[in-house]
Amino acid sequence: MRKIIAAVASITAIAGLAVPSLASADVVRYQTQDATFTLTQPAGQVGQWDSVWTHSINVHVNPCDNTFTGTGVETGPGQTLNETITGSFGNGTVSLTANREDGVMFSLANAPTNNTDVTLATSSPQVPWALEFKATTPQFSNTSSYKNHGDYVSSQGGGSDAAHSCIGMPIH
C-alpha cells in the first residue's frame, strides 16, 4: 500500500497535481458541537472572589475553526441578565463578546480557561474600574449523530458533487 501511495505521489508531483493527505480512520470528526463554560467576575469590589456575578454560557461551536455563537445568563447580587455571545476557542483560551439585554457589551481576548488566571475585559459603555474575569474550561458535547460529513452524505444517498466540508471522510 505504501508503495502505491508513493507512486501516486511521484506521478502527481511530476504532473503538478496536489496529493491529498490521508486522514486517520480513528479520528472522530463531528459536524457540530456544543460547549458550556462559565465566566465569573467580582461583584461590588474589584479583586475579591467571594461575591461574584456568574455568566453561564452555552454555545454552538463550528468545529472547522472553533468559532461559536450562543447565549449566556448573568446572575449575581441583585441581577439576572440574558446575553448573546459570539467568539472563539484557542489553545486553552477563549475570546468572546457578550451583548447583555440591557445594552452593555463586554469583550475578552485570549482569556485562559483554567478558572485561575484573571483577564481584564473591555466594555461599552466604558467603566472606571477593572473588569476582571475568570473562565472555566469549556465542556464539549457532540450533537451530530454523524462522525463526519461523508457519513452524512452517504446516509442521504450520496451526491454527484464532492462534499465540501472541513471535516472529511477518511480515504479507504
Protein backbone atom coordinates (compact mmCIF):
# COMPACT_ATOMS: atom_id res chain seq x y z
CA MET A 1 0.00 0.00 0.00
CA ARG A 2 2.82 2.42 0.87
CA LYS A 3 4.48 1.75 -2.50
CA ILE A 4 1.22 2.57 -4.28
CA ILE A 5 0.81 5.82 -2.34
CA ALA A 6 4.44 6.79 -3.02
CA ALA A 7 4.00 6.01 -6.73
CA VAL A 8 0.82 8.11 -6.92
CA ALA A 9 2.58 10.95 -5.09
CA SER A 10 5.52 10.80 -7.53
CA ILE A 11 3.26 10.78 -10.59
CA THR A 12 1.07 13.60 -9.34
CA ALA A 13 4.11 15.65 -8.29
CA ILE A 14 5.53 15.31 -11.81
CA ALA A 15 2.17 16.26 -13.29
CA GLY A 16 1.88 19.23 -10.91
CA LEU A 17 -1.18 17.88 -9.11
CA ALA A 18 -1.84 18.15 -5.40
CA VAL A 19 -1.77 14.98 -3.33
CA PRO A 20 -4.40 14.87 -0.60
CA SER A 21 -3.15 13.74 2.78
CA LEU A 22 -4.60 10.63 4.30
CA ALA A 23 -6.89 11.06 7.29
CA SER A 24 -6.67 8.74 10.22
CA ALA A 25 -9.71 6.48 10.36
CA ASP A 26 -9.80 6.52 14.15
CA VAL A 27 -10.15 10.31 14.47
CA VAL A 28 -13.71 11.22 15.43
CA ARG A 29 -14.98 14.12 13.35
CA TYR A 30 -18.30 15.66 14.36
CA GLN A 31 -20.11 18.17 12.19
CA THR A 32 -21.49 20.14 15.13
CA GLN A 33 -20.57 20.62 18.76
CA ASP A 34 -21.99 22.40 21.75
CA ALA A 35 -19.97 23.72 24.66
CA THR A 36 -20.76 25.11 28.08
CA PHE A 37 -18.47 27.19 30.27
CA THR A 38 -18.64 29.79 32.99
CA LEU A 39 -17.22 33.26 33.49
CA THR A 40 -17.07 34.86 36.93
CA GLN A 41 -16.35 38.45 37.85
CA PRO A 42 -16.15 40.19 41.23
CA ALA A 43 -19.40 41.85 42.33
CA GLY A 44 -19.21 45.10 44.24
CA GLN A 45 -15.43 45.25 44.69
CA VAL A 46 -12.51 44.61 42.34
CA GLY A 47 -10.11 41.86 43.34
CA GLN A 48 -12.35 39.81 45.61
CA TRP A 49 -13.86 36.48 44.51
CA ASP A 50 -16.26 35.72 47.39
CA SER A 51 -19.21 37.60 45.90
CA VAL A 52 -19.33 37.23 42.11
CA TRP A 53 -21.50 37.63 39.08
CA THR A 54 -21.63 34.33 37.20
CA HIS A 55 -22.09 34.09 33.44
CA SER A 56 -23.37 30.61 32.50
CA ILE A 57 -22.68 30.26 28.77
CA ASN A 58 -23.99 27.74 26.22
CA VAL A 59 -22.62 27.95 22.68
CA HIS A 60 -22.82 26.13 19.35
CA VAL A 61 -19.27 25.57 18.05
CA ASN A 62 -18.14 25.40 14.44
CA PRO A 63 -15.62 22.53 14.61
CA CYS A 64 -13.85 23.76 11.46
CA ASP A 65 -12.48 26.94 13.05
CA ASN A 66 -13.59 26.79 16.74
CA THR A 67 -15.78 29.89 16.43
CA PHE A 68 -19.06 29.91 18.33
CA THR A 69 -22.35 31.66 18.90
CA GLY A 70 -24.76 31.20 21.75
CA THR A 71 -26.37 32.61 24.84
CA GLY A 72 -25.48 33.32 28.42
CA VAL A 73 -27.24 34.21 31.62
CA GLU A 74 -25.54 36.55 34.07
CA THR A 75 -26.66 36.05 37.66
CA GLY A 76 -25.40 37.62 40.83
CA PRO A 77 -26.22 40.05 43.60
CA GLY A 78 -29.32 41.92 42.53
CA GLN A 79 -29.46 40.96 38.85
CA THR A 80 -30.20 38.35 36.23
CA LEU A 81 -29.50 39.33 32.63
CA ASN A 82 -29.59 37.43 29.33
CA GLU A 83 -26.60 37.69 26.99
CA THR A 84 -25.89 36.98 23.32
CA ILE A 85 -22.40 35.52 22.90
CA THR A 86 -20.01 35.27 19.92
CA GLY A 87 -16.38 34.23 20.00
CA SER A 88 -13.79 31.52 19.51
CA PHE A 89 -11.76 28.98 21.42
CA GLY A 90 -7.98 28.96 21.18
CA ASN A 91 -5.37 26.67 22.69
CA GLY A 92 -6.56 26.79 26.32
CA THR A 93 -8.15 30.22 25.83
CA VAL A 94 -11.44 31.85 24.94
CA SER A 95 -12.09 35.16 23.18
CA LEU A 96 -15.64 36.47 23.15
CA THR A 97 -18.04 39.36 23.03
CA ALA A 98 -21.16 39.34 25.18
CA ASN A 99 -24.08 41.66 24.49
CA ARG A 100 -26.37 41.94 27.52
CA GLU A 101 -30.07 42.63 27.19
CA ASP A 102 -29.60 46.00 28.98
CA GLY A 103 -27.32 47.23 26.15
CA VAL A 104 -23.99 46.69 27.94
CA MET A 105 -21.32 44.86 25.93
CA PHE A 106 -18.05 43.37 27.14
CA SER A 107 -15.22 41.55 25.36
CA LEU A 108 -12.48 39.19 26.49
CA ALA A 109 -9.38 38.41 24.42
CA ASN A 110 -7.43 35.17 24.90
CA ALA A 111 -8.69 34.56 28.44
CA PRO A 112 -7.11 31.39 29.88
CA THR A 113 -9.74 28.73 30.57
CA ASN A 114 -8.21 27.47 33.81
CA ASN A 115 -10.57 29.26 36.25
CA THR A 116 -7.47 30.72 37.95
CA ASP A 117 -5.91 33.44 35.78
CA VAL A 118 -7.68 36.81 35.73
CA THR A 119 -8.28 38.52 32.39
CA LEU A 120 -9.36 42.15 32.02
CA ALA A 121 -12.29 42.86 29.73
CA THR A 122 -13.19 45.91 27.70
CA SER A 123 -16.73 47.23 27.80
CA SER A 124 -19.17 49.57 26.17
CA PRO A 125 -20.06 51.80 27.85
CA GLN A 126 -16.64 52.01 29.45
CA VAL A 127 -16.44 51.76 33.24
CA PRO A 128 -13.81 53.39 35.51
CA TRP A 129 -12.86 50.12 37.26
CA ALA A 130 -11.07 46.95 36.15
CA LEU A 131 -13.46 44.37 34.67
CA GLU A 132 -11.87 41.18 35.97
CA PHE A 133 -12.94 37.76 34.69
CA LYS A 134 -12.03 34.13 35.23
CA ALA A 135 -13.09 31.50 32.67
CA THR A 136 -13.63 27.78 33.18
CA THR A 137 -12.59 25.04 30.77
CA PRO A 138 -15.33 24.50 28.16
CA GLN A 139 -17.19 21.20 28.34
CA PHE A 140 -17.87 19.98 24.80
CA SER A 141 -20.69 17.70 23.75
CA ASN A 142 -21.21 16.24 20.30
CA THR A 143 -24.60 16.99 18.83
CA SER A 144 -24.35 15.33 15.44
CA SER A 145 -25.05 11.64 15.06
CA TYR A 146 -22.59 11.52 12.13
CA LYS A 147 -18.87 11.23 12.78
CA ASN A 148 -18.04 13.04 9.56
CA HIS A 149 -19.59 14.75 6.59
CA GLY A 150 -19.08 11.72 4.35
CA ASP A 151 -21.20 9.55 6.67
CA TYR A 152 -23.97 12.13 6.45
CA VAL A 153 -23.79 12.39 2.65
CA SER A 154 -23.79 8.59 2.35
CA SER A 155 -26.86 8.34 4.60
CA GLN A 156 -28.67 10.77 2.29
CA GLY A 157 -27.97 8.71 -0.84
CA GLY A 158 -24.71 10.37 -1.87
CA GLY A 159 -24.33 13.14 -4.38
CA SER A 160 -22.85 13.89 -7.79
CA ASP A 161 -20.52 16.58 -6.43
CA ALA A 162 -17.80 16.09 -3.83
CA ALA A 163 -18.86 17.11 -0.35
CA HIS A 164 -17.32 20.42 0.69
CA SER A 165 -16.50 20.32 4.38
CA CYS A 166 -13.51 20.95 6.60
CA ILE A 167 -14.20 17.59 8.14
CA GLY A 168 -13.58 14.91 5.57
CA MET A 169 -14.29 11.21 5.45
CA PRO A 170 -11.19 9.01 5.67
CA ILE A 171 -9.90 7.54 2.40
CA HIS A 172 -10.39 3.78 2.32
